[in-house]
Amino acid sequence: MTRISGCLLLACPHCQAVYRKPNYVSMNFMAMYVWTDGYREASLMPPGECMRLCTQCDQIYDIREAPEVGSLTKEEMYEPPPPLPPPEPEPTSAWGRFRRWMSRTARRRPTRTLFPDLRADLPPHAEWVPTEQAQQRLEALLAEPHGSNPNAREFETELRMRLWQSGNDWFRPLLAKAREEQATVPPPWTQTDAQLENLRGLKALFLAPGRSQHDTMLLVEVHRQLGEFDEAEALLETFAQDHEEAEYQRLLVGKRMRHVGRYPN
């Protein structure tokens, strides 16, 4: 059960738009489906990452760098006037906006006047690339002097995770349909050069010492999607035989499958 006790008022570092951030007493993280790239489909709560997309200026920011400008008690949150600031842009509820901010793909069927180079007969993954603003933000993070921003590595990881997940979105409904039809062969899977480049950057971040078991499982997935099955198998040896996620990954690795998967419920 999710319970809230008041909230903080935080300002966007770019435009100073004010949002309210709930103080959670308890949280329910259940999701309808969990995917091997970490995406949680129909999650009841946001996963609590640090990246936010401002609805006013359309820029992403690290919530840890958003200045606190006030607070509200639980009682004040439900008093009529004055009007409350809007809730903070949560990652889960704003996934569609995140996806549009981060990447573009032929699957959206853009008009010829906007993107004359995209043909209607292209497969859905064929033109997946990071948007210019997402690429610029990545380059800015990489250009920061080492140690100057203690949050830079975590923020880069989350941005690359979001890019990775958005690049896999075209495949999710195809795999779900194949499962419904009890198909014995999964749909064709392929990745663009931009996706592979982002995966290699994500792998370098996950290879750093001190990673959690959750990050180790994500590294297994990164290795698998890059076709590095020996490395994935070696990491899976560190998990217990009855570990449910590891068991599913062993199945995919054994069949030399690179596509994103959906863990069994």
C-alpha atoms as a PDB file:
ATOM      1  CA  MET A   1       0.000   0.000   0.000  1.00  0.00           C
ATOM      2  CA  THR A   2       1.260   3.472  -0.876  1.00  0.00           C
ATOM      3  CA  ARG A   3       0.993   6.169   1.770  1.00  0.00           C
ATOM      4  CA  ILE A   4       2.071   9.806   1.604  1.00  0.00           C
ATOM      5  CA  SER A   5       2.872  12.224   4.421  1.00  0.00           C
ATOM      6  CA  GLY A   6       3.163  15.748   3.042  1.00  0.00           C
ATOM      7  CA  CYS A   7       5.480  16.830   0.255  1.00  0.00           C
ATOM      8  CA  LEU A   8       8.474  18.967  -0.637  1.00  0.00           C
ATOM      9  CA  LEU A   9       8.289  21.799  -3.164  1.00  0.00           C
ATOM     10  CA  LEU A  10      11.165  21.570  -5.631  1.00  0.00           C
ATOM     11  CA  ALA A  11      12.086  23.915  -8.485  1.00  0.00           C
ATOM     12  CA  CYS A  12      13.305  22.868 -11.908  1.00  0.00           C
ATOM     13  CA  PRO A  13      16.989  23.939 -12.140  1.00  0.00           C
ATOM     14  CA  HIS A  14      16.412  25.196 -15.705  1.00  0.00           C
ATOM     15  CA  CYS A  15      13.238  27.284 -15.525  1.00  0.00           C
ATOM     16  CA  GLN A  16      12.387  27.312 -11.781  1.00  0.00           C
ATOM     17  CA  ALA A  17       8.942  25.788 -12.329  1.00  0.00           C
ATOM     18  CA  VAL A  18       7.818  24.422  -8.957  1.00  0.00           C
ATOM     19  CA  TYR A  19       6.680  20.834  -8.438  1.00  0.00           C
ATOM     20  CA  ARG A  20       5.614  18.940  -5.363  1.00  0.00           C
ATOM     21  CA  LYS A  21       7.539  15.797  -4.442  1.00  0.00           C
ATOM     22  CA  PRO A  22       5.603  13.454  -2.137  1.00  0.00           C
ATOM     23  CA  ASN A  23       7.145  12.172   1.080  1.00  0.00           C
ATOM     24  CA  TYR A  24       6.356   8.476   0.826  1.00  0.00           C
ATOM     25  CA  VAL A  25       5.774   6.579   4.061  1.00  0.00           C
ATOM     26  CA  SER A  26       5.321   3.320   2.175  1.00  0.00           C
ATOM     27  CA  MET A  27       5.385   2.408  -1.517  1.00  0.00           C
ATOM     28  CA  ASN A  28       3.990  -0.353  -3.734  1.00  0.00           C
ATOM     29  CA  PHE A  29       6.308  -1.195  -6.620  1.00  0.00           C
ATOM     30  CA  MET A  30       4.191  -3.912  -8.229  1.00  0.00           C
ATOM     31  CA  ALA A  31       4.127  -3.968 -12.015  1.00  0.00           C
ATOM     32  CA  MET A  32       2.099  -5.927 -14.543  1.00  0.00           C
ATOM     33  CA  TYR A  33       5.228  -7.041 -16.413  1.00  0.00           C
ATOM     34  CA  VAL A  34       8.973  -6.691 -15.807  1.00  0.00           C
ATOM     35  CA  TRP A  35      11.278  -6.779 -18.833  1.00  0.00           C
ATOM     36  CA  THR A  36      14.868  -7.934 -19.011  1.00  0.00           C
ATOM     37  CA  ASP A  37      16.112  -4.399 -19.795  1.00  0.00           C
ATOM     38  CA  GLY A  38      14.656  -3.165 -16.503  1.00  0.00           C
ATOM     39  CA  TYR A  39      11.496  -1.635 -17.949  1.00  0.00           C
ATOM     40  CA  ARG A  40       8.495  -2.045 -15.633  1.00  0.00           C
ATOM     41  CA  GLU A  41       5.243  -2.118 -17.587  1.00  0.00           C
ATOM     42  CA  ALA A  42       2.120  -0.693 -15.887  1.00  0.00           C
ATOM     43  CA  SER A  43       4.015  -0.083 -12.657  1.00  0.00           C
ATOM     44  CA  LEU A  44       1.956   1.161  -9.714  1.00  0.00           C
ATOM     45  CA  MET A  45       4.724   3.496  -8.603  1.00  0.00           C
ATOM     46  CA  PRO A  46       7.671   5.263 -10.205  1.00  0.00           C
ATOM     47  CA  PRO A  47      10.927   3.408  -9.602  1.00  0.00           C
ATOM     48  CA  GLY A  48      12.399   6.463  -7.895  1.00  0.00           C
ATOM     49  CA  GLU A  49      15.240   7.297 -10.239  1.00  0.00           C
ATOM     50  CA  CYS A  50      16.829  10.718 -10.265  1.00  0.00           C
ATOM     51  CA  MET A  51      15.947  11.848 -13.818  1.00  0.00           C
ATOM     52  CA  ARG A  52      12.959  14.104 -14.375  1.00  0.00           C
ATOM     53  CA  LEU A  53      11.557  15.826 -17.473  1.00  0.00           C
ATOM     54  CA  CYS A  54      10.147  19.289 -16.783  1.00  0.00           C
ATOM     55  CA  THR A  55       6.705  19.806 -18.306  1.00  0.00           C
ATOM     56  CA  GLN A  56       7.310  23.560 -18.588  1.00  0.00           C
ATOM     57  CA  CYS A  57      10.688  23.885 -20.321  1.00  0.00           C
ATOM     58  CA  ASP A  58      10.951  20.319 -21.708  1.00  0.00           C
ATOM     59  CA  GLN A  59      14.434  19.786 -20.246  1.00  0.00           C
ATOM     60  CA  ILE A  60      15.616  16.851 -18.151  1.00  0.00           C
ATOM     61  CA  TYR A  61      17.226  17.418 -14.787  1.00  0.00           C
ATOM     62  CA  ASP A  62      18.603  15.551 -11.789  1.00  0.00           C
ATOM     63  CA  ILE A  63      16.037  15.783  -9.013  1.00  0.00           C
ATOM     64  CA  ARG A  64      18.871  15.845  -6.461  1.00  0.00           C
ATOM     65  CA  GLU A  65      19.964  19.167  -7.969  1.00  0.00           C
ATOM     66  CA  ALA A  66      16.478  20.719  -7.796  1.00  0.00           C
ATOM     67  CA  PRO A  67      16.441  23.390  -5.058  1.00  0.00           C
ATOM     68  CA  GLU A  68      13.897  22.999  -2.274  1.00  0.00           C
ATOM     69  CA  VAL A  69      11.650  26.065  -2.104  1.00  0.00           C
ATOM     70  CA  GLY A  70       9.107  24.970   0.501  1.00  0.00           C
ATOM     71  CA  SER A  71       7.047  22.104   1.870  1.00  0.00           C
ATOM     72  CA  LEU A  72       3.442  21.157   2.588  1.00  0.00           C
ATOM     73  CA  THR A  73       2.027  19.037   5.381  1.00  0.00           C
ATOM     74  CA  LYS A  74      -0.429  16.251   4.648  1.00  0.00           C
ATOM     75  CA  GLU A  75      -3.280  18.513   5.785  1.00  0.00           C
ATOM     76  CA  GLU A  76      -2.122  21.444   3.631  1.00  0.00           C
ATOM     77  CA  MET A  77      -2.058  19.216   0.546  1.00  0.00           C
ATOM     78  CA  TYR A  78      -5.825  18.786   0.725  1.00  0.00           C
ATOM     79  CA  GLU A  79      -6.855  22.318   1.685  1.00  0.00           C
ATOM     80  CA  PRO A  80      -8.710  24.188  -1.110  1.00  0.00           C
ATOM     81  CA  PRO A  81      -6.921  27.519  -1.755  1.00  0.00           C
ATOM     82  CA  PRO A  82      -4.249  28.381  -2.672  1.00  0.00           C
ATOM     83  CA  PRO A  83      -3.844  26.127  -5.722  1.00  0.00           C
ATOM     84  CA  LEU A  84      -1.115  23.526  -5.342  1.00  0.00           C
ATOM     85  CA  PRO A  85       1.906  23.284  -7.618  1.00  0.00           C
ATOM     86  CA  PRO A  86       1.644  20.350 -10.020  1.00  0.00           C
ATOM     87  CA  PRO A  87       3.115  17.004  -8.999  1.00  0.00           C
ATOM     88  CA  GLU A  88       6.677  16.320 -10.080  1.00  0.00           C
ATOM     89  CA  PRO A  89       7.033  14.708 -13.514  1.00  0.00           C
ATOM     90  CA  GLU A  90       7.307  11.053 -12.537  1.00  0.00           C
ATOM     91  CA  PRO A  91       9.376   8.739 -14.763  1.00  0.00           C
ATOM     92  CA  THR A  92       6.689   6.083 -15.123  1.00  0.00           C
ATOM     93  CA  SER A  93       3.679   8.283 -15.859  1.00  0.00           C
ATOM     94  CA  ALA A  94       5.739  10.452 -18.188  1.00  0.00           C
ATOM     95  CA  TRP A  95       7.295   7.559 -20.134  1.00  0.00           C
ATOM     96  CA  GLY A  96       5.693   8.650 -23.406  1.00  0.00           C
ATOM     97  CA  ARG A  97       7.130  12.157 -23.026  1.00  0.00           C
ATOM     98  CA  PHE A  98      10.525  10.763 -22.078  1.00  0.00           C
ATOM     99  CA  ARG A  99      10.498   8.587 -25.166  1.00  0.00           C
ATOM    100  CA  ARG A 100       9.668  11.528 -27.446  1.00  0.00           C
ATOM    101  CA  TRP A 101      12.333  13.649 -25.758  1.00  0.00           C
ATOM    102  CA  MET A 102      15.034  11.003 -26.091  1.00  0.00           C
ATOM    103  CA  SER A 103      14.645   9.325 -29.451  1.00  0.00           C
ATOM    104  CA  ARG A 104      12.839   9.167 -32.733  1.00  0.00           C
ATOM    105  CA  THR A 105      11.936   6.157 -34.811  1.00  0.00           C
ATOM    106  CA  ALA A 106      10.129   5.370 -38.054  1.00  0.00           C
ATOM    107  CA  ARG A 107       7.459   3.573 -36.045  1.00  0.00           C
ATOM    108  CA  ARG A 108       5.829   6.936 -35.274  1.00  0.00           C
ATOM    109  CA  ARG A 109       5.112   7.344 -38.992  1.00  0.00           C
ATOM    110  CA  PRO A 110       6.383  10.943 -39.274  1.00  0.00           C
ATOM    111  CA  THR A 111       5.075  13.007 -42.136  1.00  0.00           C
ATOM    112  CA  ARG A 112       7.225  13.399 -45.221  1.00  0.00           C
ATOM    113  CA  THR A 113       7.395  17.162 -44.690  1.00  0.00           C
ATOM    114  CA  LEU A 114       9.018  16.686 -41.272  1.00  0.00           C
ATOM    115  CA  PHE A 115      11.284  13.741 -42.080  1.00  0.00           C
ATOM    116  CA  PRO A 116      11.399  13.242 -45.851  1.00  0.00           C
ATOM    117  CA  ASP A 117      14.178  10.657 -45.470  1.00  0.00           C
ATOM    118  CA  LEU A 118      11.921   8.187 -43.621  1.00  0.00           C
ATOM    119  CA  ARG A 119       9.888   5.865 -45.796  1.00  0.00           C
ATOM    120  CA  ALA A 120       6.622   4.295 -44.697  1.00  0.00           C
ATOM    121  CA  ASP A 121       7.892   0.799 -45.488  1.00  0.00           C
ATOM    122  CA  LEU A 122      10.817   0.993 -43.056  1.00  0.00           C
ATOM    123  CA  PRO A 123      10.712  -1.518 -40.186  1.00  0.00           C
ATOM    124  CA  PRO A 124       9.867   0.041 -36.810  1.00  0.00           C
ATOM    125  CA  HIS A 125      13.420  -0.037 -35.481  1.00  0.00           C
ATOM    126  CA  ALA A 126      15.194   1.186 -38.602  1.00  0.00           C
ATOM    127  CA  GLU A 127      15.572   4.855 -37.727  1.00  0.00           C
ATOM    128  CA  TRP A 128      15.988   4.709 -33.965  1.00  0.00           C
ATOM    129  CA  VAL A 129      18.453   7.415 -32.971  1.00  0.00           C
ATOM    130  CA  PRO A 130      18.839   9.626 -29.899  1.00  0.00           C
ATOM    131  CA  THR A 131      17.426  13.103 -30.361  1.00  0.00           C
ATOM    132  CA  GLU A 132      19.881  15.960 -30.605  1.00  0.00           C
ATOM    133  CA  GLN A 133      18.987  17.179 -27.116  1.00  0.00           C
ATOM    134  CA  ALA A 134      19.572  13.733 -25.580  1.00  0.00           C
ATOM    135  CA  GLN A 135      22.900  13.398 -27.404  1.00  0.00           C
ATOM    136  CA  GLN A 136      23.968  16.865 -26.263  1.00  0.00           C
ATOM    137  CA  ARG A 137      23.142  16.013 -22.657  1.00  0.00           C
ATOM    138  CA  LEU A 138      25.197  12.824 -22.864  1.00  0.00           C
ATOM    139  CA  GLU A 139      28.135  14.704 -24.349  1.00  0.00           C
ATOM    140  CA  ALA A 140      27.893  17.334 -21.613  1.00  0.00           C
ATOM    141  CA  LEU A 141      28.003  14.629 -18.935  1.00  0.00           C
ATOM    142  CA  LEU A 142      31.022  12.989 -20.548  1.00  0.00           C
ATOM    143  CA  ALA A 143      32.805  16.345 -20.832  1.00  0.00           C
ATOM    144  CA  GLU A 144      32.535  17.126 -17.116  1.00  0.00           C
ATOM    145  CA  PRO A 145      35.897  16.903 -15.306  1.00  0.00           C
ATOM    146  CA  HIS A 146      36.274  13.675 -13.345  1.00  0.00           C
ATOM    147  CA  GLY A 147      34.988  14.100  -9.800  1.00  0.00           C
ATOM    148  CA  SER A 148      33.456  17.536 -10.395  1.00  0.00           C
ATOM    149  CA  ASN A 149      29.896  16.200 -10.210  1.00  0.00           C
ATOM    150  CA  PRO A 150      29.336  13.269  -7.808  1.00  0.00           C
ATOM    151  CA  ASN A 151      25.991  12.508  -9.455  1.00  0.00           C
ATOM    152  CA  ALA A 152      27.207  12.530 -13.072  1.00  0.00           C
ATOM    153  CA  ARG A 153      27.919   8.785 -13.369  1.00  0.00           C
ATOM    154  CA  GLU A 154      24.547   7.784 -11.910  1.00  0.00           C
ATOM    155  CA  PHE A 155      22.734  10.318 -14.094  1.00  0.00           C
ATOM    156  CA  GLU A 156      24.550   9.095 -17.221  1.00  0.00           C
ATOM    157  CA  THR A 157      23.606   5.517 -16.311  1.00  0.00           C
ATOM    158  CA  GLU A 158      19.961   6.442 -15.986  1.00  0.00           C
ATOM    159  CA  LEU A 159      19.919   8.433 -19.223  1.00  0.00           C
ATOM    160  CA  ARG A 160      21.517   5.526 -21.092  1.00  0.00           C
ATOM    161  CA  MET A 161      19.048   3.135 -19.461  1.00  0.00           C
ATOM    162  CA  ARG A 162      16.134   5.245 -20.696  1.00  0.00           C
ATOM    163  CA  LEU A 163      17.619   5.407 -24.187  1.00  0.00           C
ATOM    164  CA  TRP A 164      18.095   1.633 -24.141  1.00  0.00           C
ATOM    165  CA  GLN A 165      14.530   0.970 -23.022  1.00  0.00           C
ATOM    166  CA  SER A 166      13.017   3.378 -25.542  1.00  0.00           C
ATOM    167  CA  GLY A 167      14.996   1.687 -28.308  1.00  0.00           C
ATOM    168  CA  ASN A 168      13.493  -1.674 -27.283  1.00  0.00           C
ATOM    169  CA  ASP A 169       9.906  -0.421 -27.138  1.00  0.00           C
ATOM    170  CA  TRP A 170       9.105  -1.313 -30.754  1.00  0.00           C
ATOM    171  CA  PHE A 171       9.685  -5.008 -29.961  1.00  0.00           C
ATOM    172  CA  ARG A 172       7.551  -5.315 -26.805  1.00  0.00           C
ATOM    173  CA  PRO A 173       4.107  -5.547 -28.478  1.00  0.00           C
ATOM    174  CA  LEU A 174       5.506  -7.966 -31.083  1.00  0.00           C
ATOM    175  CA  LEU A 175       6.812 -10.323 -28.393  1.00  0.00           C
ATOM    176  CA  ALA A 176       3.576 -10.019 -26.399  1.00  0.00           C
ATOM    177  CA  LYS A 177       1.551 -10.916 -29.499  1.00  0.00           C
ATOM    178  CA  ALA A 178       3.833 -13.871 -30.263  1.00  0.00           C
ATOM    179  CA  ARG A 179       3.297 -15.163 -26.742  1.00  0.00           C
ATOM    180  CA  GLU A 180      -0.459 -14.808 -27.028  1.00  0.00           C
ATOM    181  CA  GLU A 181      -0.386 -16.794 -30.264  1.00  0.00           C
ATOM    182  CA  GLN A 182       1.969 -19.338 -28.649  1.00  0.00           C
ATOM    183  CA  ALA A 183       4.484 -18.880 -31.436  1.00  0.00           C
ATOM    184  CA  THR A 184       7.511 -21.162 -31.198  1.00  0.00           C
ATOM    185  CA  VAL A 185       9.838 -18.650 -32.868  1.00  0.00           C
ATOM    186  CA  PRO A 186      10.212 -15.062 -31.557  1.00  0.00           C
ATOM    187  CA  PRO A 187       9.793 -12.103 -33.938  1.00  0.00           C
ATOM    188  CA  PRO A 188      12.895 -10.955 -35.858  1.00  0.00           C
ATOM    189  CA  TRP A 189      15.194  -8.791 -33.761  1.00  0.00           C
ATOM    190  CA  THR A 190      17.730  -6.218 -34.834  1.00  0.00           C
ATOM    191  CA  GLN A 191      19.373  -3.074 -33.476  1.00  0.00           C
ATOM    192  CA  THR A 192      20.668   0.142 -34.978  1.00  0.00           C
ATOM    193  CA  ASP A 193      24.285   1.287 -34.674  1.00  0.00           C
ATOM    194  CA  ALA A 194      23.117   4.005 -32.274  1.00  0.00           C
ATOM    195  CA  GLN A 195      21.539   1.404 -29.985  1.00  0.00           C
ATOM    196  CA  LEU A 196      24.690  -0.717 -29.973  1.00  0.00           C
ATOM    197  CA  GLU A 197      26.865   2.313 -29.240  1.00  0.00           C
ATOM    198  CA  ASN A 198      24.646   3.230 -26.298  1.00  0.00           C
ATOM    199  CA  LEU A 199      24.785  -0.375 -25.019  1.00  0.00           C
ATOM    200  CA  ARG A 200      28.580  -0.332 -25.086  1.00  0.00           C
ATOM    201  CA  GLY A 201      28.564   2.881 -23.072  1.00  0.00           C
ATOM    202  CA  LEU A 202      26.157   1.330 -20.583  1.00  0.00           C
ATOM    203  CA  LYS A 203      28.350  -1.772 -20.303  1.00  0.00           C
ATOM    204  CA  ALA A 204      31.345   0.363 -19.338  1.00  0.00           C
ATOM    205  CA  LEU A 205      29.294   1.928 -16.534  1.00  0.00           C
ATOM    206  CA  PHE A 206      28.050  -1.423 -15.213  1.00  0.00           C
ATOM    207  CA  LEU A 207      31.548  -2.960 -15.287  1.00  0.00           C
ATOM    208  CA  ALA A 208      32.663  -0.561 -12.544  1.00  0.00           C
ATOM    209  CA  PRO A 209      33.324  -2.269  -9.188  1.00  0.00           C
ATOM    210  CA  GLY A 210      30.758  -2.192  -6.417  1.00  0.00           C
ATOM    211  CA  ARG A 211      27.664  -2.832  -8.546  1.00  0.00           C
ATOM    212  CA  SER A 212      24.540  -4.287  -6.970  1.00  0.00           C
ATOM    213  CA  GLN A 213      23.007  -7.673  -7.823  1.00  0.00           C
ATOM    214  CA  HIS A 214      20.295  -5.812  -9.747  1.00  0.00           C
ATOM    215  CA  ASP A 215      22.935  -4.042 -11.856  1.00  0.00           C
ATOM    216  CA  THR A 216      24.729  -7.358 -12.391  1.00  0.00           C
ATOM    217  CA  MET A 217      21.550  -8.798 -13.886  1.00  0.00           C
ATOM    218  CA  LEU A 218      21.248  -5.740 -16.141  1.00  0.00           C
ATOM    219  CA  LEU A 219      24.874  -6.294 -17.189  1.00  0.00           C
ATOM    220  CA  VAL A 220      23.924  -9.873 -18.110  1.00  0.00           C
ATOM    221  CA  GLU A 221      21.222  -8.403 -20.351  1.00  0.00           C
ATOM    222  CA  VAL A 222      23.631  -5.891 -21.907  1.00  0.00           C
ATOM    223  CA  HIS A 223      26.134  -8.658 -22.700  1.00  0.00           C
ATOM    224  CA  ARG A 224      23.353 -10.811 -24.167  1.00  0.00           C
ATOM    225  CA  GLN A 225      21.990  -8.037 -26.395  1.00  0.00           C
ATOM    226  CA  LEU A 226      25.527  -7.334 -27.609  1.00  0.00           C
ATOM    227  CA  GLY A 227      25.925 -11.010 -28.476  1.00  0.00           C
ATOM    228  CA  GLU A 228      28.547 -11.547 -25.743  1.00  0.00           C
ATOM    229  CA  PHE A 229      27.061 -14.818 -24.537  1.00  0.00           C
ATOM    230  CA  ASP A 230      30.202 -16.172 -22.830  1.00  0.00           C
ATOM    231  CA  GLU A 231      30.400 -13.075 -20.639  1.00  0.00           C
ATOM    232  CA  ALA A 232      26.679 -13.341 -19.855  1.00  0.00           C
ATOM    233  CA  GLU A 233      27.049 -17.011 -18.884  1.00  0.00           C
ATOM    234  CA  ALA A 234      29.986 -16.229 -16.589  1.00  0.00           C
ATOM    235  CA  LEU A 235      27.951 -13.614 -14.715  1.00  0.00           C
ATOM    236  CA  LEU A 236      24.957 -15.943 -14.436  1.00  0.00           C
ATOM    237  CA  GLU A 237      27.188 -18.406 -12.566  1.00  0.00           C
ATOM    238  CA  THR A 238      27.204 -15.920  -9.663  1.00  0.00           C
ATOM    239  CA  PHE A 239      23.442 -16.353  -9.188  1.00  0.00           C
ATOM    240  CA  ALA A 240      21.729 -19.231  -7.400  1.00  0.00           C
ATOM    241  CA  GLN A 241      20.244 -21.925  -9.619  1.00  0.00           C
ATOM    242  CA  ASP A 242      16.729 -21.157  -8.371  1.00  0.00           C
ATOM    243  CA  HIS A 243      17.017 -17.396  -9.000  1.00  0.00           C
ATOM    244  CA  GLU A 244      13.975 -16.724 -11.195  1.00  0.00           C
ATOM    245  CA  GLU A 245      15.425 -13.946 -13.337  1.00  0.00           C
ATOM    246  CA  ALA A 246      18.719 -15.781 -13.773  1.00  0.00           C
ATOM    247  CA  GLU A 247      16.836 -18.927 -14.770  1.00  0.00           C
ATOM    248  CA  TYR A 248      15.035 -17.037 -17.560  1.00  0.00           C
ATOM    249  CA  GLN A 249      18.274 -15.394 -18.688  1.00  0.00           C
ATOM    250  CA  ARG A 250      19.995 -18.805 -18.833  1.00  0.00           C
ATOM    251  CA  LEU A 251      17.230 -19.942 -21.170  1.00  0.00           C
ATOM    252  CA  LEU A 252      17.743 -16.965 -23.514  1.00  0.00           C
ATOM    253  CA  VAL A 253      21.541 -17.205 -23.387  1.00  0.00           C
ATOM    254  CA  GLY A 254      21.415 -20.962 -24.043  1.00  0.00           C
ATOM    255  CA  LYS A 255      19.368 -20.341 -27.188  1.00  0.00           C
ATOM    256  CA  ARG A 256      21.719 -17.489 -28.204  1.00  0.00           C
ATOM    257  CA  MET A 257      18.828 -15.032 -28.335  1.00  0.00           C
ATOM    258  CA  ARG A 258      19.618 -11.307 -28.230  1.00  0.00           C
ATOM    259  CA  HIS A 259      16.135  -9.798 -28.126  1.00  0.00           C
ATOM    260  CA  VAL A 260      14.706  -8.088 -25.045  1.00  0.00           C
ATOM    261  CA  GLY A 261      12.594 -10.504 -23.025  1.00  0.00           C
ATOM    262  CA  ARG A 262       9.699 -10.370 -20.586  1.00  0.00           C
ATOM    263  CA  TYR A 263      10.120 -12.238 -17.328  1.00  0.00           C
ATOM    264  CA  PRO A 264       7.404 -14.826 -16.641  1.00  0.00           C
ATOM    265  CA  ASN A 265       4.856 -13.721 -14.046  1.00  0.00           C
END
